[in-house]
Amino acid sequence: MMNPIAALLIQVLELYKWIVIIAVIVSWLTAFNVINEHNNFVRSLLRILYNLTEPVFRPIRRLIPAMGGLDLSPLIVLLLIWFLQYTIQYLAYQGMM
Protein backbone atom coordinates (compact mmCIF):
# COMPACT_ATOMS: atom_id res chain seq x y z
CA MET A 1 0.00 0.00 0.00
CA MET A 2 1.30 3.45 -0.92
CA ASN A 3 1.80 6.32 1.47
CA PRO A 4 -1.10 8.82 1.11
CA ILE A 5 1.32 11.74 0.74
CA ALA A 6 3.13 9.94 -2.08
CA ALA A 7 -0.19 9.20 -3.77
CA LEU A 8 -1.21 12.86 -3.46
CA LEU A 9 2.09 14.05 -4.94
CA ILE A 10 1.72 11.64 -7.85
CA GLN A 11 -1.82 12.89 -8.53
CA VAL A 12 -0.75 16.55 -8.37
CA LEU A 13 2.03 15.80 -10.86
CA GLU A 14 -0.49 13.98 -13.07
CA LEU A 15 -2.79 17.00 -13.00
CA TYR A 16 0.09 19.32 -13.85
CA LYS A 17 1.09 17.02 -16.71
CA TRP A 18 -2.37 17.52 -18.23
CA ILE A 19 -2.11 21.28 -17.72
CA VAL A 20 1.16 21.27 -19.70
CA ILE A 21 -0.40 19.17 -22.48
CA ILE A 22 -3.42 21.48 -22.68
CA ALA A 23 -1.15 24.55 -22.72
CA VAL A 24 0.82 23.11 -25.65
CA ILE A 25 -2.33 22.25 -27.62
CA VAL A 26 -3.85 25.67 -26.95
CA SER A 27 -0.63 27.39 -28.01
CA TRP A 28 -0.65 25.44 -31.29
CA LEU A 29 -4.30 26.29 -31.89
CA THR A 30 -3.56 29.93 -31.18
CA ALA A 31 -0.53 29.94 -33.49
CA PHE A 32 -2.61 28.55 -36.35
CA ASN A 33 -5.46 31.02 -35.68
CA VAL A 34 -7.92 28.24 -34.83
CA ILE A 35 -8.69 29.92 -31.50
CA ASN A 36 -9.74 33.57 -31.38
CA GLU A 37 -7.53 35.27 -28.80
CA HIS A 38 -9.90 38.24 -28.62
CA ASN A 39 -12.64 36.16 -27.02
CA ASN A 40 -12.80 36.92 -23.27
CA PHE A 41 -13.07 33.26 -22.27
CA VAL A 42 -10.14 32.26 -24.46
CA ARG A 43 -8.07 35.18 -23.19
CA SER A 44 -8.78 34.13 -19.59
CA LEU A 45 -7.88 30.52 -20.38
CA LEU A 46 -4.63 31.59 -22.03
CA ARG A 47 -3.74 33.77 -19.04
CA ILE A 48 -4.45 30.94 -16.58
CA LEU A 49 -2.41 28.44 -18.58
CA TYR A 50 0.43 30.94 -18.94
CA ASN A 51 0.47 31.67 -15.20
CA LEU A 52 0.46 27.95 -14.38
CA THR A 53 3.16 26.89 -16.82
CA GLU A 54 5.48 29.84 -17.40
CA PRO A 55 7.18 29.73 -13.95
CA VAL A 56 8.25 26.15 -14.74
CA PHE A 57 9.04 26.69 -18.43
CA ARG A 58 11.10 29.87 -17.95
CA PRO A 59 14.14 28.33 -16.17
CA ILE A 60 14.22 25.50 -18.69
CA ARG A 61 14.08 27.97 -21.59
CA ARG A 62 17.07 29.79 -20.10
CA LEU A 63 19.08 26.56 -20.11
CA ILE A 64 17.80 25.22 -23.45
CA PRO A 65 16.70 27.94 -25.86
CA ALA A 66 14.23 27.22 -28.67
CA MET A 67 15.82 25.36 -31.56
CA GLY A 68 14.59 26.52 -34.93
CA GLY A 69 11.46 27.97 -33.36
CA LEU A 70 10.73 24.71 -31.51
CA ASP A 71 10.29 25.16 -27.77
CA LEU A 72 11.44 22.01 -25.99
CA SER A 73 10.58 23.17 -22.47
CA PRO A 74 7.17 21.40 -22.34
CA LEU A 75 8.78 18.13 -23.39
CA ILE A 76 11.46 18.48 -20.73
CA VAL A 77 8.82 19.32 -18.09
CA LEU A 78 6.83 16.22 -19.07
CA LEU A 79 9.97 14.08 -18.78
CA LEU A 80 10.72 15.58 -15.36
CA ILE A 81 7.16 14.90 -14.22
CA TRP A 82 7.45 11.30 -15.39
CA PHE A 83 10.77 10.92 -13.57
CA LEU A 84 9.37 12.43 -10.35
CA GLN A 85 6.26 10.25 -10.45
CA TYR A 86 8.26 7.05 -10.81
CA THR A 87 10.80 8.14 -8.21
CA ILE A 88 8.02 8.87 -5.72
CA GLN A 89 6.40 5.50 -6.47
CA TYR A 90 9.70 3.69 -6.08
CA LEU A 91 10.49 5.39 -2.78
CA ALA A 92 6.95 4.84 -1.49
CA TYR A 93 7.06 1.12 -2.24
CA GLN A 94 10.54 0.83 -0.73
CA GLY A 95 9.13 2.30 2.47
CA MET A 96 11.24 5.45 2.28
CA MET A 97 8.30 7.83 2.05
C-alpha atoms as a PDB file:
ATOM      1  CA  MET A   1       0.000   0.000   0.000  1.00  0.00           C
ATOM      2  CA  MET A   2       1.295   3.448  -0.917  1.00  0.00           C
ATOM      3  CA  ASN A   3       1.798   6.316   1.471  1.00  0.00           C
ATOM      4  CA  PRO A   4      -1.100   8.816   1.111  1.00  0.00           C
ATOM      5  CA  ILE A   5       1.320  11.740   0.743  1.00  0.00           C
ATOM      6  CA  ALA A   6       3.135   9.942  -2.078  1.00  0.00           C
ATOM      7  CA  ALA A   7      -0.192   9.197  -3.768  1.00  0.00           C
ATOM      8  CA  LEU A   8      -1.212  12.857  -3.462  1.00  0.00           C
ATOM      9  CA  LEU A   9       2.095  14.045  -4.938  1.00  0.00           C
ATOM     10  CA  ILE A  10       1.723  11.644  -7.848  1.00  0.00           C
ATOM     11  CA  GLN A  11      -1.822  12.890  -8.531  1.00  0.00           C
ATOM     12  CA  VAL A  12      -0.754  16.548  -8.367  1.00  0.00           C
ATOM     13  CA  LEU A  13       2.030  15.802 -10.858  1.00  0.00           C
ATOM     14  CA  GLU A  14      -0.490  13.980 -13.075  1.00  0.00           C
ATOM     15  CA  LEU A  15      -2.787  16.997 -13.003  1.00  0.00           C
ATOM     16  CA  TYR A  16       0.095  19.318 -13.854  1.00  0.00           C
ATOM     17  CA  LYS A  17       1.094  17.020 -16.714  1.00  0.00           C
ATOM     18  CA  TRP A  18      -2.371  17.522 -18.235  1.00  0.00           C
ATOM     19  CA  ILE A  19      -2.109  21.276 -17.723  1.00  0.00           C
ATOM     20  CA  VAL A  20       1.158  21.266 -19.695  1.00  0.00           C
ATOM     21  CA  ILE A  21      -0.397  19.169 -22.476  1.00  0.00           C
ATOM     22  CA  ILE A  22      -3.419  21.480 -22.677  1.00  0.00           C
ATOM     23  CA  ALA A  23      -1.151  24.547 -22.719  1.00  0.00           C
ATOM     24  CA  VAL A  24       0.818  23.108 -25.649  1.00  0.00           C
ATOM     25  CA  ILE A  25      -2.325  22.250 -27.617  1.00  0.00           C
ATOM     26  CA  VAL A  26      -3.849  25.666 -26.952  1.00  0.00           C
ATOM     27  CA  SER A  27      -0.631  27.394 -28.015  1.00  0.00           C
ATOM     28  CA  TRP A  28      -0.653  25.435 -31.293  1.00  0.00           C
ATOM     29  CA  LEU A  29      -4.298  26.285 -31.892  1.00  0.00           C
ATOM     30  CA  THR A  30      -3.556  29.931 -31.180  1.00  0.00           C
ATOM     31  CA  ALA A  31      -0.526  29.941 -33.486  1.00  0.00           C
ATOM     32  CA  PHE A  32      -2.612  28.552 -36.355  1.00  0.00           C
ATOM     33  CA  ASN A  33      -5.459  31.021 -35.685  1.00  0.00           C
ATOM     34  CA  VAL A  34      -7.916  28.243 -34.827  1.00  0.00           C
ATOM     35  CA  ILE A  35      -8.686  29.923 -31.501  1.00  0.00           C
ATOM     36  CA  ASN A  36      -9.743  33.566 -31.378  1.00  0.00           C
ATOM     37  CA  GLU A  37      -7.525  35.270 -28.795  1.00  0.00           C
ATOM     38  CA  HIS A  38      -9.897  38.242 -28.625  1.00  0.00           C
ATOM     39  CA  ASN A  39     -12.645  36.163 -27.022  1.00  0.00           C
ATOM     40  CA  ASN A  40     -12.798  36.919 -23.273  1.00  0.00           C
ATOM     41  CA  PHE A  41     -13.066  33.257 -22.269  1.00  0.00           C
ATOM     42  CA  VAL A  42     -10.136  32.260 -24.462  1.00  0.00           C
ATOM     43  CA  ARG A  43      -8.067  35.183 -23.191  1.00  0.00           C
ATOM     44  CA  SER A  44      -8.781  34.128 -19.593  1.00  0.00           C
ATOM     45  CA  LEU A  45      -7.885  30.518 -20.381  1.00  0.00           C
ATOM     46  CA  LEU A  46      -4.630  31.592 -22.033  1.00  0.00           C
ATOM     47  CA  ARG A  47      -3.739  33.772 -19.041  1.00  0.00           C
ATOM     48  CA  ILE A  48      -4.451  30.944 -16.577  1.00  0.00           C
ATOM     49  CA  LEU A  49      -2.415  28.439 -18.581  1.00  0.00           C
ATOM     50  CA  TYR A  50       0.428  30.945 -18.945  1.00  0.00           C
ATOM     51  CA  ASN A  51       0.472  31.666 -15.204  1.00  0.00           C
ATOM     52  CA  LEU A  52       0.464  27.951 -14.376  1.00  0.00           C
ATOM     53  CA  THR A  53       3.161  26.887 -16.823  1.00  0.00           C
ATOM     54  CA  GLU A  54       5.484  29.835 -17.402  1.00  0.00           C
ATOM     55  CA  PRO A  55       7.180  29.733 -13.950  1.00  0.00           C
ATOM     56  CA  VAL A  56       8.245  26.155 -14.735  1.00  0.00           C
ATOM     57  CA  PHE A  57       9.041  26.686 -18.427  1.00  0.00           C
ATOM     58  CA  ARG A  58      11.103  29.870 -17.949  1.00  0.00           C
ATOM     59  CA  PRO A  59      14.143  28.332 -16.169  1.00  0.00           C
ATOM     60  CA  ILE A  60      14.225  25.495 -18.690  1.00  0.00           C
ATOM     61  CA  ARG A  61      14.080  27.972 -21.587  1.00  0.00           C
ATOM     62  CA  ARG A  62      17.068  29.789 -20.096  1.00  0.00           C
ATOM     63  CA  LEU A  63      19.077  26.557 -20.108  1.00  0.00           C
ATOM     64  CA  ILE A  64      17.802  25.223 -23.446  1.00  0.00           C
ATOM     65  CA  PRO A  65      16.697  27.942 -25.859  1.00  0.00           C
ATOM     66  CA  ALA A  66      14.227  27.217 -28.671  1.00  0.00           C
ATOM     67  CA  MET A  67      15.817  25.362 -31.559  1.00  0.00           C
ATOM     68  CA  GLY A  68      14.590  26.517 -34.931  1.00  0.00           C
ATOM     69  CA  GLY A  69      11.461  27.968 -33.363  1.00  0.00           C
ATOM     70  CA  LEU A  70      10.733  24.705 -31.509  1.00  0.00           C
ATOM     71  CA  ASP A  71      10.293  25.159 -27.768  1.00  0.00           C
ATOM     72  CA  LEU A  72      11.441  22.008 -25.989  1.00  0.00           C
ATOM     73  CA  SER A  73      10.582  23.168 -22.470  1.00  0.00           C
ATOM     74  CA  PRO A  74       7.166  21.401 -22.338  1.00  0.00           C
ATOM     75  CA  LEU A  75       8.778  18.128 -23.391  1.00  0.00           C
ATOM     76  CA  ILE A  76      11.460  18.483 -20.728  1.00  0.00           C
ATOM     77  CA  VAL A  77       8.819  19.318 -18.093  1.00  0.00           C
ATOM     78  CA  LEU A  78       6.831  16.215 -19.066  1.00  0.00           C
ATOM     79  CA  LEU A  79       9.973  14.084 -18.776  1.00  0.00           C
ATOM     80  CA  LEU A  80      10.722  15.582 -15.356  1.00  0.00           C
ATOM     81  CA  ILE A  81       7.161  14.898 -14.215  1.00  0.00           C
ATOM     82  CA  TRP A  82       7.450  11.298 -15.391  1.00  0.00           C
ATOM     83  CA  PHE A  83      10.769  10.924 -13.571  1.00  0.00           C
ATOM     84  CA  LEU A  84       9.374  12.432 -10.349  1.00  0.00           C
ATOM     85  CA  GLN A  85       6.258  10.246 -10.448  1.00  0.00           C
ATOM     86  CA  TYR A  86       8.261   7.049 -10.813  1.00  0.00           C
ATOM     87  CA  THR A  87      10.804   8.137  -8.212  1.00  0.00           C
ATOM     88  CA  ILE A  88       8.016   8.871  -5.723  1.00  0.00           C
ATOM     89  CA  GLN A  89       6.397   5.500  -6.469  1.00  0.00           C
ATOM     90  CA  TYR A  90       9.705   3.692  -6.083  1.00  0.00           C
ATOM     91  CA  LEU A  91      10.492   5.392  -2.777  1.00  0.00           C
ATOM     92  CA  ALA A  92       6.954   4.837  -1.493  1.00  0.00           C
ATOM     93  CA  TYR A  93       7.060   1.118  -2.237  1.00  0.00           C
ATOM     94  CA  GLN A  94      10.535   0.828  -0.728  1.00  0.00           C
ATOM     95  CA  GLY A  95       9.129   2.302   2.469  1.00  0.00           C
ATOM     96  CA  MET A  96      11.243   5.446   2.277  1.00  0.00           C
ATOM     97  CA  MET A  97       8.296   7.830   2.047  1.00  0.00           C
END
